[in-house]
């Protein structure tokens, strides 16, 4: 069985932001550390991007802003904490950036013998290519089957970005699917879902899947241990 060990640092700050402010929070962190540090934003300039799995992800836990760092991202986050002051201006207001919690662990990503249960929040599963095909499906079972295929592809894409070779078939089963909801990503309205699913794979809490994970979309949480 192929196992990938990955370091994960999750920092939660002791202030509050709204869900629509995650992008602004991300931008404020980038300005604080400097745009020359690419892992914080994955932009190469001239409207070109790095399309690898983001190793620094921004999200909200409760109402608190947080940063999830994986692998090399763990080594880079010091560029924020080395500042004499962590406070920063976001959307015209000052944020007092004291740390509420900091959790550093090493996880073993692996295929499991038993299925594990997860919640996936604000998952941007659909894009311009697959949205028409999804909407053309009439049966709920067909829609769920298509989303299971997309979720499988999202996990494989994440694994590739972390240099984890999954050498066994993934078994993904969606057990609960919310009604579609409109979510704003980079100023564009996209269709998102909240789902519950089981899988024969271990995924750490808060790791993102799908589109927009660096902006807090597609956050995974284990339902039971």
Protein backbone atom coordinates (compact mmCIF):
# COMPACT_ATOMS: atom_id res chain seq x y z
CA UNK A 1 0.00 0.00 0.00
CA UNK A 2 1.40 3.39 -1.02
CA UNK A 3 1.38 5.87 1.88
CA UNK A 4 2.20 9.57 1.57
CA UNK A 5 3.34 11.35 4.70
CA UNK A 6 2.55 15.06 4.65
CA UNK A 7 3.05 17.81 7.22
CA UNK A 8 0.01 19.98 7.87
CA UNK A 9 -0.08 23.22 9.85
CA UNK A 10 -3.45 24.78 10.66
CA UNK A 11 -3.44 28.29 12.11
CA UNK A 12 -6.65 29.95 13.35
CA UNK A 13 -6.57 33.65 14.22
CA UNK A 14 -8.46 35.31 17.06
CA UNK A 15 -10.55 37.75 15.05
CA UNK A 16 -13.63 37.51 12.87
CA UNK A 17 -14.37 37.89 9.16
CA UNK A 18 -17.39 37.21 6.97
CA UNK A 19 -17.47 34.38 4.44
CA UNK A 20 -17.28 36.81 1.50
CA UNK A 21 -14.09 38.32 2.99
CA UNK A 22 -11.91 35.21 2.61
CA UNK A 23 -10.51 36.48 -0.68
CA UNK A 24 -9.70 39.85 0.92
CA UNK A 25 -8.04 38.04 3.85
CA UNK A 26 -5.94 36.05 1.39
CA UNK A 27 -4.94 39.24 -0.40
CA UNK A 28 -3.96 40.94 2.85
CA UNK A 29 -1.72 37.99 3.82
CA UNK A 30 -0.08 38.08 0.38
CA UNK A 31 0.66 41.79 0.72
CA UNK A 32 2.07 41.21 4.21
CA UNK A 33 4.55 38.53 3.12
CA UNK A 34 5.30 40.00 -0.32
CA UNK A 35 4.06 38.95 -3.74
CA UNK A 36 7.46 37.50 -4.62
CA UNK A 37 6.61 34.46 -2.46
CA UNK A 38 4.53 32.54 -4.99
CA UNK A 39 3.18 29.74 -2.77
CA UNK A 40 1.00 32.30 -0.99
CA UNK A 41 -0.95 33.15 -4.15
CA UNK A 42 0.16 30.88 -7.07
CA UNK A 43 0.41 33.81 -9.51
CA UNK A 44 3.35 34.07 -11.89
CA UNK A 45 2.43 37.51 -13.20
CA UNK A 46 1.10 38.58 -16.62
CA UNK A 47 -2.18 36.79 -15.81
CA UNK A 48 -0.45 33.40 -15.65
CA UNK A 49 -0.95 30.97 -12.79
CA UNK A 50 0.46 27.85 -11.20
CA UNK A 51 -2.26 25.23 -11.47
CA UNK A 52 -0.74 22.80 -8.97
CA UNK A 53 -2.65 21.88 -5.82
CA UNK A 54 -2.34 24.91 -3.47
CA UNK A 55 0.01 24.27 -0.54
CA UNK A 56 -1.32 27.34 1.32
CA UNK A 57 -5.11 27.55 1.65
CA UNK A 58 -7.22 30.30 3.23
CA UNK A 59 -10.53 29.62 4.93
CA UNK A 60 -12.84 30.42 7.81
CA UNK A 61 -13.32 28.19 10.87
CA UNK A 62 -16.44 29.31 12.64
CA UNK A 63 -16.15 33.01 11.91
CA UNK A 64 -12.39 33.10 12.41
CA UNK A 65 -9.92 33.41 9.52
CA UNK A 66 -7.43 30.57 9.22
CA UNK A 67 -4.59 29.32 7.05
CA UNK A 68 -3.90 25.69 6.17
CA UNK A 69 -0.33 24.89 5.08
CA UNK A 70 0.80 21.59 3.59
CA UNK A 71 4.29 20.29 2.85
CA UNK A 72 6.48 23.13 1.59
CA UNK A 73 3.77 25.57 2.61
CA UNK A 74 4.57 24.75 6.26
CA UNK A 75 8.14 25.94 5.67
CA UNK A 76 6.98 29.16 4.00
CA UNK A 77 4.45 30.41 6.57
CA UNK A 78 7.27 31.82 8.70
CA UNK A 79 7.38 34.68 6.19
CA UNK A 80 4.17 35.95 7.79
CA UNK A 81 5.09 35.29 11.41
CA UNK A 82 8.54 36.89 11.10
CA UNK A 83 6.89 40.31 10.88
CA UNK A 84 7.13 42.44 14.03
CA UNK A 85 3.39 43.03 13.83
CA UNK A 86 0.90 40.53 12.43
CA UNK A 87 -1.85 43.13 12.21
CA UNK A 88 -2.93 44.07 8.72
CA UNK A 89 -5.48 46.10 6.80
CA UNK A 90 -8.20 44.14 5.03
CA UNK A 91 -11.00 45.71 3.00
CA UNK A 92 -10.38 49.07 4.68
CA UNK A 93 -10.36 47.83 8.27
CA UNK A 94 -7.62 46.80 10.65
CA UNK A 95 -7.39 43.17 11.75
CA UNK A 96 -5.80 42.26 15.09
CA UNK A 97 -4.08 39.03 14.07
CA UNK A 98 -3.38 37.24 17.34
CA UNK A 99 -3.30 33.43 17.14
CA UNK A 100 -6.25 31.52 18.55
CA UNK A 101 -4.85 28.04 17.82
CA UNK A 102 -1.92 26.49 15.99
CA UNK A 103 -1.84 22.79 15.18
CA UNK A 104 1.10 21.08 13.45
CA UNK A 105 0.86 17.38 12.63
CA UNK A 106 2.19 14.86 10.16
CA UNK A 107 -0.46 12.71 8.49
CA UNK A 108 -0.28 9.52 6.47
CA UNK A 109 -2.46 9.85 3.38
CA UNK A 110 -3.47 6.33 2.45
CA UNK A 111 -6.11 3.98 1.10
CA UNK A 112 -8.06 2.45 3.98
CA UNK A 113 -9.68 -0.96 4.41
CA UNK A 114 -12.87 0.61 5.76
CA UNK A 115 -14.81 3.55 4.41
CA UNK A 116 -14.43 6.83 6.29
CA UNK A 117 -17.22 9.42 6.38
CA UNK A 118 -16.73 13.09 5.50
CA UNK A 119 -18.59 16.36 5.04
CA UNK A 120 -17.55 18.52 2.10
CA UNK A 121 -18.64 22.16 2.38
CA UNK A 122 -19.11 24.71 -0.43
CA UNK A 123 -17.77 22.29 -3.01
CA UNK A 124 -17.36 23.82 -6.48
CA UNK A 125 -17.81 20.62 -8.43
CA UNK A 126 -19.02 22.03 -11.72
CA UNK A 127 -17.27 24.09 -14.40
CA UNK A 128 -18.18 25.41 -17.83
CA UNK A 129 -17.50 22.03 -19.41
CA UNK A 130 -19.47 19.72 -17.12
CA UNK A 131 -22.27 22.06 -15.97
CA UNK A 132 -24.47 21.57 -19.08
CA UNK A 133 -24.08 17.80 -18.87
CA UNK A 134 -25.05 17.83 -15.19
CA UNK A 135 -28.11 20.00 -15.74
CA UNK A 136 -29.24 17.75 -18.59
CA UNK A 137 -29.50 14.78 -16.25
CA UNK A 138 -33.02 14.21 -14.93
CA UNK A 139 -32.59 11.43 -12.36
CA UNK A 140 -31.05 12.27 -9.00
CA UNK A 141 -29.17 8.97 -9.08
CA UNK A 142 -27.52 10.02 -12.34
CA UNK A 143 -26.54 13.40 -10.90
CA UNK A 144 -25.03 11.75 -7.81
CA UNK A 145 -23.14 9.25 -9.96
CA UNK A 146 -21.66 12.09 -12.00
CA UNK A 147 -20.67 14.01 -8.87
CA UNK A 148 -19.03 10.87 -7.45
CA UNK A 149 -16.90 10.71 -10.57
CA UNK A 150 -15.96 14.39 -10.22
CA UNK A 151 -15.11 13.94 -6.54
CA UNK A 152 -12.92 10.96 -7.40
CA UNK A 153 -11.08 13.13 -9.95
CA UNK A 154 -10.69 15.91 -7.35
CA UNK A 155 -9.04 13.50 -4.88
CA UNK A 156 -6.72 12.15 -7.58
CA UNK A 157 -5.79 15.72 -8.56
CA UNK A 158 -5.00 16.56 -4.93
CA UNK A 159 -2.89 13.41 -4.63
CA UNK A 160 -0.95 14.28 -7.76
CA UNK A 161 -0.23 17.76 -6.41
CA UNK A 162 1.16 16.24 -3.22
CA UNK A 163 3.18 13.65 -5.18
CA UNK A 164 1.11 10.81 -3.75
CA UNK A 165 0.63 7.90 -6.12
CA UNK A 166 -2.71 6.21 -5.41
CA UNK A 167 -2.16 2.64 -6.55
CA UNK A 168 -5.59 1.22 -5.68
CA UNK A 169 -9.12 2.05 -6.90
CA UNK A 170 -10.94 4.80 -5.02
CA UNK A 171 -14.40 3.93 -3.74
CA UNK A 172 -16.46 7.10 -3.36
CA UNK A 173 -20.12 7.10 -2.29
CA UNK A 174 -22.17 10.28 -1.81
CA UNK A 175 -24.85 9.70 0.83
CA UNK A 176 -26.30 13.20 1.14
CA UNK A 177 -26.41 16.05 -1.37
CA UNK A 178 -27.65 19.58 -0.70
CA UNK A 179 -29.63 21.58 -3.20
CA UNK A 180 -27.36 23.48 -5.58
CA UNK A 181 -26.37 26.93 -4.30
CA UNK A 182 -24.71 29.90 -5.95
CA UNK A 183 -21.25 30.74 -4.59
CA UNK A 184 -19.06 33.66 -5.65
CA UNK A 185 -15.51 32.80 -6.67
CA UNK A 186 -13.30 35.55 -8.12
CA UNK A 187 -16.38 37.64 -8.80
CA UNK A 188 -18.17 34.89 -10.72
CA UNK A 189 -21.29 33.03 -9.54
CA UNK A 190 -20.71 29.27 -9.60
CA UNK A 191 -22.84 26.31 -8.55
CA UNK A 192 -21.74 24.64 -5.32
CA UNK A 193 -22.89 21.86 -3.03
CA UNK A 194 -22.61 20.59 0.52
CA UNK A 195 -22.26 16.82 0.52
CA UNK A 196 -21.67 13.90 2.82
CA UNK A 197 -19.67 11.06 1.38
CA UNK A 198 -17.76 7.97 2.35
CA UNK A 199 -14.43 6.93 0.85
CA UNK A 200 -11.74 4.32 1.28
CA UNK A 201 -9.14 7.05 1.74
CA UNK A 202 -7.86 9.01 4.74
CA UNK A 203 -8.06 12.80 4.34
CA UNK A 204 -7.07 15.31 7.07
CA UNK A 205 -9.63 17.83 8.26
CA UNK A 206 -9.92 21.13 6.36
CA UNK A 207 -7.99 19.92 3.31
CA UNK A 208 -9.62 21.37 0.22
CA UNK A 209 -11.02 19.48 -2.79
CA UNK A 210 -12.17 20.82 -6.12
CA UNK A 211 -12.07 24.33 -7.52
CA UNK A 212 -11.20 27.33 -5.36
CA UNK A 213 -9.59 25.45 -2.46
CA UNK A 214 -7.12 28.30 -1.86
CA UNK A 215 -10.18 30.50 -1.13
CA UNK A 216 -11.78 28.08 1.34
CA UNK A 217 -14.08 26.19 -1.03
CA UNK A 218 -14.41 22.41 -0.83
CA UNK A 219 -13.26 22.03 2.77
CA UNK A 220 -13.28 18.45 4.09
CA UNK A 221 -14.23 17.47 7.64
CA UNK A 222 -14.36 13.94 9.04
CA UNK A 223 -17.77 12.99 10.38
CA UNK A 224 -16.45 10.29 12.66
CA UNK A 225 -13.03 8.89 13.54
